[in-house]
Amino acid sequence: MKSDSFLMAKIFQLTPEDQDQLRELVNIGVSHAGNTLSDMVGKRILVSVPGVTLGSSDTLPLDIGEGSAITIAILLRLSGAIDGYVLIFFPQPAAVALLRTMTGKSIGDLRALTRFDRSIFQELGNVITGGMLSGLSRFLHLNIIHSVPDVVVDMGGAMFNTITASMVARHEEFLTLDVSVCVDETKESMTCNHAESSTGRMFLYIGPEAVGRILDITGEMVNHESIP
C-alpha cells in the first residue's frame, strides 16, 4: 500500500499553465495591497508575485536559505471556503531594507526589533495576505478570511522546523510564491526603477483539494468567456 505522502505527491501537480493562472490570480490581489501600503506610508509601494512553484518538505531548506541566519516570518491562519496557513518569510537583508525604507529606521540585527517594529511587519503581512485573499474572494466568489498575524524572529532553520512541523504533517506539499515589495520615495511614481526592492517568500499550505478547486473555478470562467 502506498503512503499518503506518495498519493498526495501524485495528486498535487501543477502544469506551467496552472502556475501562470495562479500567479495572475494572486497578483490581482497583491496589487491592491501595494496601494494600501502606499497610502499608509506615503511612498509608492508595488507588491508583486513574479513566480509560483510547488514546494515540499524536502525542498523547504533550499527555499529558506542558510538555516542559521536570523530571519523574520509572518504566520496567518486561513479559514472559510479554504482552510490552511500562510507563512511569509523575509531573510534579514530584505527585512532590514523594508524597515528602513518604510520607517526610516536602521537596525543591524532583527533580534533588536521593538514592539513597534514588529507591528510594521505584522501589518505588512496583514495587508499583503488580506489583499491577496480579497482579490481571490471577489474573483472566485469564495469567502476566505485570515487570522491576526503572528510575527516570529529566529534562526531560519529552527523557526521553520517549529512552525512548519504541523503544517507539513497535514500538507506534505505546498505552494511557494516569490513576493517582491518595491518601495519608491515618491508616491506619484508609477514604476520602481530606482527604488529599493525586497524579495521574500510566501508559503501557502492549503492542500491539493483547495488548489484544484481554485483552478477548476477559474478554468470554468475562462471557458465560459471564450464561448461566443
C-alpha atoms as a PDB file:
ATOM      1  CA  MET A   1       0.000   0.000   0.000  1.00  0.00           C
ATOM      2  CA  LYS A   2       1.355   3.415  -0.995  1.00  0.00           C
ATOM      3  CA  SER A   3       1.866   6.074   1.664  1.00  0.00           C
ATOM      4  CA  ASP A   4      -0.367   9.131   1.960  1.00  0.00           C
ATOM      5  CA  SER A   5       2.537  11.418   1.041  1.00  0.00           C
ATOM      6  CA  PHE A   6       3.095   9.427  -2.163  1.00  0.00           C
ATOM      7  CA  LEU A   7      -0.565   9.709  -3.092  1.00  0.00           C
ATOM      8  CA  MET A   8      -0.596  13.425  -2.346  1.00  0.00           C
ATOM      9  CA  ALA A   9       2.502  13.969  -4.460  1.00  0.00           C
ATOM     10  CA  LYS A  10       0.687  12.340  -7.376  1.00  0.00           C
ATOM     11  CA  ILE A  11      -2.463  14.410  -6.834  1.00  0.00           C
ATOM     12  CA  PHE A  12      -0.825  17.786  -6.265  1.00  0.00           C
ATOM     13  CA  GLN A  13       0.756  18.564  -9.630  1.00  0.00           C
ATOM     14  CA  LEU A  14       0.839  21.917 -11.418  1.00  0.00           C
ATOM     15  CA  THR A  15       1.349  22.419 -15.131  1.00  0.00           C
ATOM     16  CA  PRO A  16       3.100  25.587 -16.383  1.00  0.00           C
ATOM     17  CA  GLU A  17      -0.360  26.857 -17.352  1.00  0.00           C
ATOM     18  CA  ASP A  18      -1.620  26.230 -13.810  1.00  0.00           C
ATOM     19  CA  GLN A  19       1.332  28.161 -12.374  1.00  0.00           C
ATOM     20  CA  ASP A  20       0.657  31.131 -14.676  1.00  0.00           C
ATOM     21  CA  GLN A  21      -3.033  31.031 -13.789  1.00  0.00           C
ATOM     22  CA  LEU A  22      -2.356  31.077 -10.046  1.00  0.00           C
ATOM     23  CA  ARG A  23       0.305  33.775 -10.396  1.00  0.00           C
ATOM     24  CA  GLU A  24      -2.118  36.055 -12.257  1.00  0.00           C
ATOM     25  CA  LEU A  25      -4.839  35.499  -9.663  1.00  0.00           C
ATOM     26  CA  VAL A  26      -2.515  36.260  -6.758  1.00  0.00           C
ATOM     27  CA  ASN A  27      -1.134  39.380  -8.450  1.00  0.00           C
ATOM     28  CA  ILE A  28      -4.643  40.779  -8.834  1.00  0.00           C
ATOM     29  CA  GLY A  29      -4.944  40.796  -5.057  1.00  0.00           C
ATOM     30  CA  VAL A  30      -1.440  41.865  -4.027  1.00  0.00           C
ATOM     31  CA  SER A  31      -1.583  44.850  -6.372  1.00  0.00           C
ATOM     32  CA  HIS A  32      -4.329  46.228  -4.124  1.00  0.00           C
ATOM     33  CA  ALA A  33      -2.097  45.522  -1.123  1.00  0.00           C
ATOM     34  CA  GLY A  34       0.564  47.772  -2.668  1.00  0.00           C
ATOM     35  CA  ASN A  35      -1.963  50.593  -2.971  1.00  0.00           C
ATOM     36  CA  THR A  36      -2.983  50.191   0.686  1.00  0.00           C
ATOM     37  CA  LEU A  37       0.637  50.244   1.875  1.00  0.00           C
ATOM     38  CA  SER A  38       1.317  53.305  -0.305  1.00  0.00           C
ATOM     39  CA  ASP A  39      -1.460  55.212   1.466  1.00  0.00           C
ATOM     40  CA  MET A  40      -0.140  54.107   4.871  1.00  0.00           C
ATOM     41  CA  VAL A  41       3.487  55.224   4.462  1.00  0.00           C
ATOM     42  CA  GLY A  42       3.172  57.994   1.856  1.00  0.00           C
ATOM     43  CA  LYS A  43       5.505  56.281  -0.594  1.00  0.00           C
ATOM     44  CA  ARG A  44       4.854  54.383  -3.789  1.00  0.00           C
ATOM     45  CA  ILE A  45       4.873  50.663  -2.918  1.00  0.00           C
ATOM     46  CA  LEU A  46       4.489  47.971  -5.524  1.00  0.00           C
ATOM     47  CA  VAL A  47       3.851  44.397  -4.415  1.00  0.00           C
ATOM     48  CA  SER A  48       4.094  41.616  -6.971  1.00  0.00           C
ATOM     49  CA  VAL A  49       4.440  37.851  -7.205  1.00  0.00           C
ATOM     50  CA  PRO A  50       6.749  37.047 -10.112  1.00  0.00           C
ATOM     51  CA  GLY A  51       6.741  33.291  -9.582  1.00  0.00           C
ATOM     52  CA  VAL A  52       4.643  30.417  -8.225  1.00  0.00           C
ATOM     53  CA  THR A  53       6.112  26.950  -7.718  1.00  0.00           C
ATOM     54  CA  LEU A  54       5.252  23.732  -5.915  1.00  0.00           C
ATOM     55  CA  GLY A  55       7.319  23.008  -2.807  1.00  0.00           C
ATOM     56  CA  SER A  56       7.593  20.115  -0.387  1.00  0.00           C
ATOM     57  CA  SER A  57       9.147  19.259   2.952  1.00  0.00           C
ATOM     58  CA  ASP A  58      12.188  18.004   1.022  1.00  0.00           C
ATOM     59  CA  THR A  59      12.799  21.352  -0.717  1.00  0.00           C
ATOM     60  CA  LEU A  60      11.985  23.621   2.250  1.00  0.00           C
ATOM     61  CA  PRO A  61      15.615  24.000   3.442  1.00  0.00           C
ATOM     62  CA  LEU A  62      16.515  25.225  -0.045  1.00  0.00           C
ATOM     63  CA  ASP A  63      13.630  27.709  -0.030  1.00  0.00           C
ATOM     64  CA  ILE A  64      14.666  29.411   3.216  1.00  0.00           C
ATOM     65  CA  GLY A  65      18.402  29.564   2.548  1.00  0.00           C
ATOM     66  CA  GLU A  66      21.030  29.389   5.307  1.00  0.00           C
ATOM     67  CA  GLY A  67      19.384  27.799   8.337  1.00  0.00           C
ATOM     68  CA  SER A  68      21.496  29.643  10.938  1.00  0.00           C
ATOM     69  CA  ALA A  69      20.730  33.139   9.602  1.00  0.00           C
ATOM     70  CA  ILE A  70      18.313  35.318  11.568  1.00  0.00           C
ATOM     71  CA  THR A  71      15.046  35.741   9.674  1.00  0.00           C
ATOM     72  CA  ILE A  72      11.545  37.082  10.189  1.00  0.00           C
ATOM     73  CA  ALA A  73       8.291  35.329   9.367  1.00  0.00           C
ATOM     74  CA  ILE A  74       4.626  36.296   9.495  1.00  0.00           C
ATOM     75  CA  LEU A  75       2.137  33.474  10.107  1.00  0.00           C
ATOM     76  CA  LEU A  76      -1.601  33.631   9.419  1.00  0.00           C
ATOM     77  CA  ARG A  77      -4.355  31.011   9.606  1.00  0.00           C
ATOM     78  CA  LEU A  78      -6.856  30.743   6.737  1.00  0.00           C
ATOM     79  CA  SER A  79     -10.481  29.751   7.205  1.00  0.00           C
ATOM     80  CA  GLY A  80     -13.789  29.904   5.393  1.00  0.00           C
ATOM     81  CA  ALA A  81     -14.009  28.370   1.932  1.00  0.00           C
ATOM     82  CA  ILE A  82     -10.317  27.414   2.147  1.00  0.00           C
ATOM     83  CA  ASP A  83      -8.609  26.114   5.270  1.00  0.00           C
ATOM     84  CA  GLY A  84      -4.859  26.362   5.723  1.00  0.00           C
ATOM     85  CA  TYR A  85      -1.965  28.660   6.581  1.00  0.00           C
ATOM     86  CA  VAL A  86       0.033  31.474   5.030  1.00  0.00           C
ATOM     87  CA  LEU A  87       3.674  31.909   6.016  1.00  0.00           C
ATOM     88  CA  ILE A  88       5.542  34.975   4.713  1.00  0.00           C
ATOM     89  CA  PHE A  89       9.304  34.824   5.124  1.00  0.00           C
ATOM     90  CA  PHE A  90      11.870  37.620   4.722  1.00  0.00           C
ATOM     91  CA  PRO A  91      15.631  36.987   5.151  1.00  0.00           C
ATOM     92  CA  GLN A  92      17.454  39.520   7.305  1.00  0.00           C
ATOM     93  CA  PRO A  93      18.790  41.759   4.462  1.00  0.00           C
ATOM     94  CA  ALA A  94      15.312  42.077   2.945  1.00  0.00           C
ATOM     95  CA  ALA A  95      13.645  42.676   6.319  1.00  0.00           C
ATOM     96  CA  VAL A  96      16.188  45.333   7.335  1.00  0.00           C
ATOM     97  CA  ALA A  97      15.766  47.095   3.977  1.00  0.00           C
ATOM     98  CA  LEU A  98      11.973  47.035   4.284  1.00  0.00           C
ATOM     99  CA  LEU A  99      12.034  48.510   7.776  1.00  0.00           C
ATOM    100  CA  ARG A 100      14.454  51.263   6.687  1.00  0.00           C
ATOM    101  CA  THR A 101      12.524  52.264   3.555  1.00  0.00           C
ATOM    102  CA  MET A 102       9.119  52.154   5.250  1.00  0.00           C
ATOM    103  CA  THR A 103      10.001  53.850   8.555  1.00  0.00           C
ATOM    104  CA  GLY A 104      13.468  55.377   8.114  1.00  0.00           C
ATOM    105  CA  LYS A 105      14.833  53.250  10.970  1.00  0.00           C
ATOM    106  CA  SER A 106      18.075  51.299  10.516  1.00  0.00           C
ATOM    107  CA  ILE A 107      18.968  48.243  12.573  1.00  0.00           C
ATOM    108  CA  GLY A 108      21.717  45.670  12.273  1.00  0.00           C
ATOM    109  CA  ASP A 109      20.041  42.698  13.947  1.00  0.00           C
ATOM    110  CA  LEU A 110      16.392  41.640  13.679  1.00  0.00           C
ATOM    111  CA  ARG A 111      16.530  40.463  17.297  1.00  0.00           C
ATOM    112  CA  ALA A 112      16.667  44.157  18.255  1.00  0.00           C
ATOM    113  CA  LEU A 113      13.189  44.827  16.839  1.00  0.00           C
ATOM    114  CA  THR A 114      10.934  46.796  19.135  1.00  0.00           C
ATOM    115  CA  ARG A 115       7.223  46.154  19.566  1.00  0.00           C
ATOM    116  CA  PHE A 116       6.539  48.953  17.079  1.00  0.00           C
ATOM    117  CA  ASP A 117       8.971  47.439  14.568  1.00  0.00           C
ATOM    118  CA  ARG A 118       7.226  44.092  14.845  1.00  0.00           C
ATOM    119  CA  SER A 119       3.885  45.786  14.292  1.00  0.00           C
ATOM    120  CA  ILE A 120       5.204  47.087  10.952  1.00  0.00           C
ATOM    121  CA  PHE A 121       5.850  43.533   9.757  1.00  0.00           C
ATOM    122  CA  GLN A 122       2.581  42.384  11.265  1.00  0.00           C
ATOM    123  CA  GLU A 123       0.732  44.997   9.240  1.00  0.00           C
ATOM    124  CA  LEU A 124       2.800  44.171   6.156  1.00  0.00           C
ATOM    125  CA  GLY A 125       1.739  40.523   6.387  1.00  0.00           C
ATOM    126  CA  ASN A 126      -1.820  41.539   7.183  1.00  0.00           C
ATOM    127  CA  VAL A 127      -2.119  43.806   4.142  1.00  0.00           C
ATOM    128  CA  ILE A 128      -0.337  41.509   1.668  1.00  0.00           C
ATOM    129  CA  THR A 129      -2.329  38.435   2.718  1.00  0.00           C
ATOM    130  CA  GLY A 130      -5.558  40.389   3.029  1.00  0.00           C
ATOM    131  CA  GLY A 131      -5.117  41.900  -0.425  1.00  0.00           C
ATOM    132  CA  MET A 132      -4.371  38.536  -1.976  1.00  0.00           C
ATOM    133  CA  LEU A 133      -7.361  36.860  -0.303  1.00  0.00           C
ATOM    134  CA  SER A 134      -9.658  39.771  -1.116  1.00  0.00           C
ATOM    135  CA  GLY A 135      -8.752  39.500  -4.800  1.00  0.00           C
ATOM    136  CA  LEU A 136      -9.244  35.732  -4.791  1.00  0.00           C
ATOM    137  CA  SER A 137     -12.530  36.012  -2.883  1.00  0.00           C
ATOM    138  CA  ARG A 138     -14.027  38.548  -5.284  1.00  0.00           C
ATOM    139  CA  PHE A 139     -12.817  36.775  -8.392  1.00  0.00           C
ATOM    140  CA  LEU A 140     -13.756  33.251  -7.291  1.00  0.00           C
ATOM    141  CA  HIS A 141     -16.854  34.220  -5.263  1.00  0.00           C
ATOM    142  CA  LEU A 142     -15.431  32.431  -2.226  1.00  0.00           C
ATOM    143  CA  ASN A 143     -15.361  33.685   1.348  1.00  0.00           C
ATOM    144  CA  ILE A 144     -11.769  33.390   2.590  1.00  0.00           C
ATOM    145  CA  ILE A 145     -10.631  35.095   5.796  1.00  0.00           C
ATOM    146  CA  HIS A 146      -7.380  35.144   7.773  1.00  0.00           C
ATOM    147  CA  SER A 147      -6.391  35.448  11.400  1.00  0.00           C
ATOM    148  CA  VAL A 148      -4.406  38.188  13.126  1.00  0.00           C
ATOM    149  CA  PRO A 149      -0.762  37.786  12.018  1.00  0.00           C
ATOM    150  CA  ASP A 150       1.914  36.405  14.334  1.00  0.00           C
ATOM    151  CA  VAL A 151       5.493  37.664  13.862  1.00  0.00           C
ATOM    152  CA  VAL A 152       8.423  35.352  14.631  1.00  0.00           C
ATOM    153  CA  VAL A 153      12.130  36.286  14.647  1.00  0.00           C
ATOM    154  CA  ASP A 154      14.600  33.414  14.916  1.00  0.00           C
ATOM    155  CA  MET A 155      17.210  31.426  13.020  1.00  0.00           C
ATOM    156  CA  GLY A 156      15.646  30.355   9.750  1.00  0.00           C
ATOM    157  CA  GLY A 157      16.181  26.639  10.203  1.00  0.00           C
ATOM    158  CA  ALA A 158      14.935  26.489  13.798  1.00  0.00           C
ATOM    159  CA  MET A 159      11.938  28.685  13.057  1.00  0.00           C
ATOM    160  CA  PHE A 160      10.777  26.735  10.049  1.00  0.00           C
ATOM    161  CA  ASN A 161      11.305  23.399  11.745  1.00  0.00           C
ATOM    162  CA  THR A 162       8.973  24.528  14.526  1.00  0.00           C
ATOM    163  CA  ILE A 163       6.359  26.425  12.539  1.00  0.00           C
ATOM    164  CA  THR A 164       6.025  24.069   9.611  1.00  0.00           C
ATOM    165  CA  ALA A 165       6.047  20.780  11.538  1.00  0.00           C
ATOM    166  CA  SER A 166       2.268  20.619  11.953  1.00  0.00           C
ATOM    167  CA  MET A 167       1.615  22.172   8.534  1.00  0.00           C
ATOM    168  CA  VAL A 168       3.766  19.720   6.605  1.00  0.00           C
ATOM    169  CA  ALA A 169       2.133  16.879   8.521  1.00  0.00           C
ATOM    170  CA  ARG A 170      -1.205  17.956   7.045  1.00  0.00           C
ATOM    171  CA  HIS A 171       0.049  19.337   3.722  1.00  0.00           C
ATOM    172  CA  GLU A 172       3.116  17.441   2.513  1.00  0.00           C
ATOM    173  CA  GLU A 173       3.306  19.763  -0.489  1.00  0.00           C
ATOM    174  CA  PHE A 174       2.511  23.472  -0.670  1.00  0.00           C
ATOM    175  CA  LEU A 175       2.676  26.487  -2.937  1.00  0.00           C
ATOM    176  CA  THR A 176       5.754  28.702  -2.804  1.00  0.00           C
ATOM    177  CA  LEU A 177       5.393  32.267  -4.077  1.00  0.00           C
ATOM    178  CA  ASP A 178       8.143  34.836  -4.594  1.00  0.00           C
ATOM    179  CA  VAL A 179       6.968  38.140  -3.106  1.00  0.00           C
ATOM    180  CA  SER A 180       8.606  41.378  -4.262  1.00  0.00           C
ATOM    181  CA  VAL A 181       7.969  44.556  -2.252  1.00  0.00           C
ATOM    182  CA  CYS A 182       9.286  47.638  -4.043  1.00  0.00           C
ATOM    183  CA  VAL A 183       9.352  50.969  -2.186  1.00  0.00           C
ATOM    184  CA  ASP A 184       9.831  54.243  -4.060  1.00  0.00           C
ATOM    185  CA  GLU A 185      10.417  57.629  -2.475  1.00  0.00           C
ATOM    186  CA  THR A 186       7.665  59.409  -4.420  1.00  0.00           C
ATOM    187  CA  LYS A 187       4.063  58.306  -4.150  1.00  0.00           C
ATOM    188  CA  GLU A 188       3.305  59.662  -7.627  1.00  0.00           C
ATOM    189  CA  SER A 189       5.825  57.384  -9.340  1.00  0.00           C
ATOM    190  CA  MET A 190       4.259  54.631 -11.434  1.00  0.00           C
ATOM    191  CA  THR A 191       7.361  52.443 -11.510  1.00  0.00           C
ATOM    192  CA  CYS A 192      10.103  51.408  -9.116  1.00  0.00           C
ATOM    193  CA  ASN A 193      13.062  51.563 -11.467  1.00  0.00           C
ATOM    194  CA  HIS A 194      15.276  53.394  -8.971  1.00  0.00           C
ATOM    195  CA  ALA A 195      13.728  52.170  -5.732  1.00  0.00           C
ATOM    196  CA  GLU A 196      14.759  49.595  -3.163  1.00  0.00           C
ATOM    197  CA  SER A 197      13.203  46.195  -3.638  1.00  0.00           C
ATOM    198  CA  SER A 198      12.999  43.401  -1.089  1.00  0.00           C
ATOM    199  CA  THR A 199      12.094  39.845  -2.008  1.00  0.00           C
ATOM    200  CA  GLY A 200      10.645  37.290   0.359  1.00  0.00           C
ATOM    201  CA  ARG A 201       8.805  34.004   0.109  1.00  0.00           C
ATOM    202  CA  MET A 202       5.171  33.231   0.764  1.00  0.00           C
ATOM    203  CA  PHE A 203       4.213  29.658   1.569  1.00  0.00           C
ATOM    204  CA  LEU A 204       0.575  28.639   1.085  1.00  0.00           C
ATOM    205  CA  TYR A 205      -0.358  25.490   2.964  1.00  0.00           C
ATOM    206  CA  ILE A 206      -3.805  24.847   1.511  1.00  0.00           C
ATOM    207  CA  GLY A 207      -3.504  21.337   0.070  1.00  0.00           C
ATOM    208  CA  PRO A 208      -4.262  19.912  -3.381  1.00  0.00           C
ATOM    209  CA  GLU A 209      -8.042  19.943  -2.994  1.00  0.00           C
ATOM    210  CA  ALA A 210      -8.155  23.710  -2.455  1.00  0.00           C
ATOM    211  CA  VAL A 211      -5.744  24.386  -5.321  1.00  0.00           C
ATOM    212  CA  GLY A 212      -7.760  22.091  -7.568  1.00  0.00           C
ATOM    213  CA  ARG A 213     -10.943  23.922  -6.633  1.00  0.00           C
ATOM    214  CA  ILE A 214      -9.382  27.286  -7.471  1.00  0.00           C
ATOM    215  CA  LEU A 215      -8.104  26.030 -10.830  1.00  0.00           C
ATOM    216  CA  ASP A 216     -11.468  24.426 -11.661  1.00  0.00           C
ATOM    217  CA  ILE A 217     -13.361  27.655 -10.966  1.00  0.00           C
ATOM    218  CA  THR A 218     -11.004  29.831 -12.985  1.00  0.00           C
ATOM    219  CA  GLY A 219     -10.980  27.261 -15.797  1.00  0.00           C
ATOM    220  CA  GLU A 220     -14.771  27.343 -15.957  1.00  0.00           C
ATOM    221  CA  MET A 221     -14.694  31.152 -16.077  1.00  0.00           C
ATOM    222  CA  VAL A 222     -12.186  31.166 -18.925  1.00  0.00           C
ATOM    223  CA  ASN A 223     -14.191  28.574 -20.878  1.00  0.00           C
ATOM    224  CA  HIS A 224     -17.411  30.493 -20.322  1.00  0.00           C
ATOM    225  CA  GLU A 225     -15.884  33.750 -21.533  1.00  0.00           C
ATOM    226  CA  SER A 226     -14.486  32.056 -24.652  1.00  0.00           C
ATOM    227  CA  ILE A 227     -17.942  30.843 -25.739  1.00  0.00           C
ATOM    228  CA  PRO A 228     -19.404  33.308 -28.292  1.00  0.00           C
END
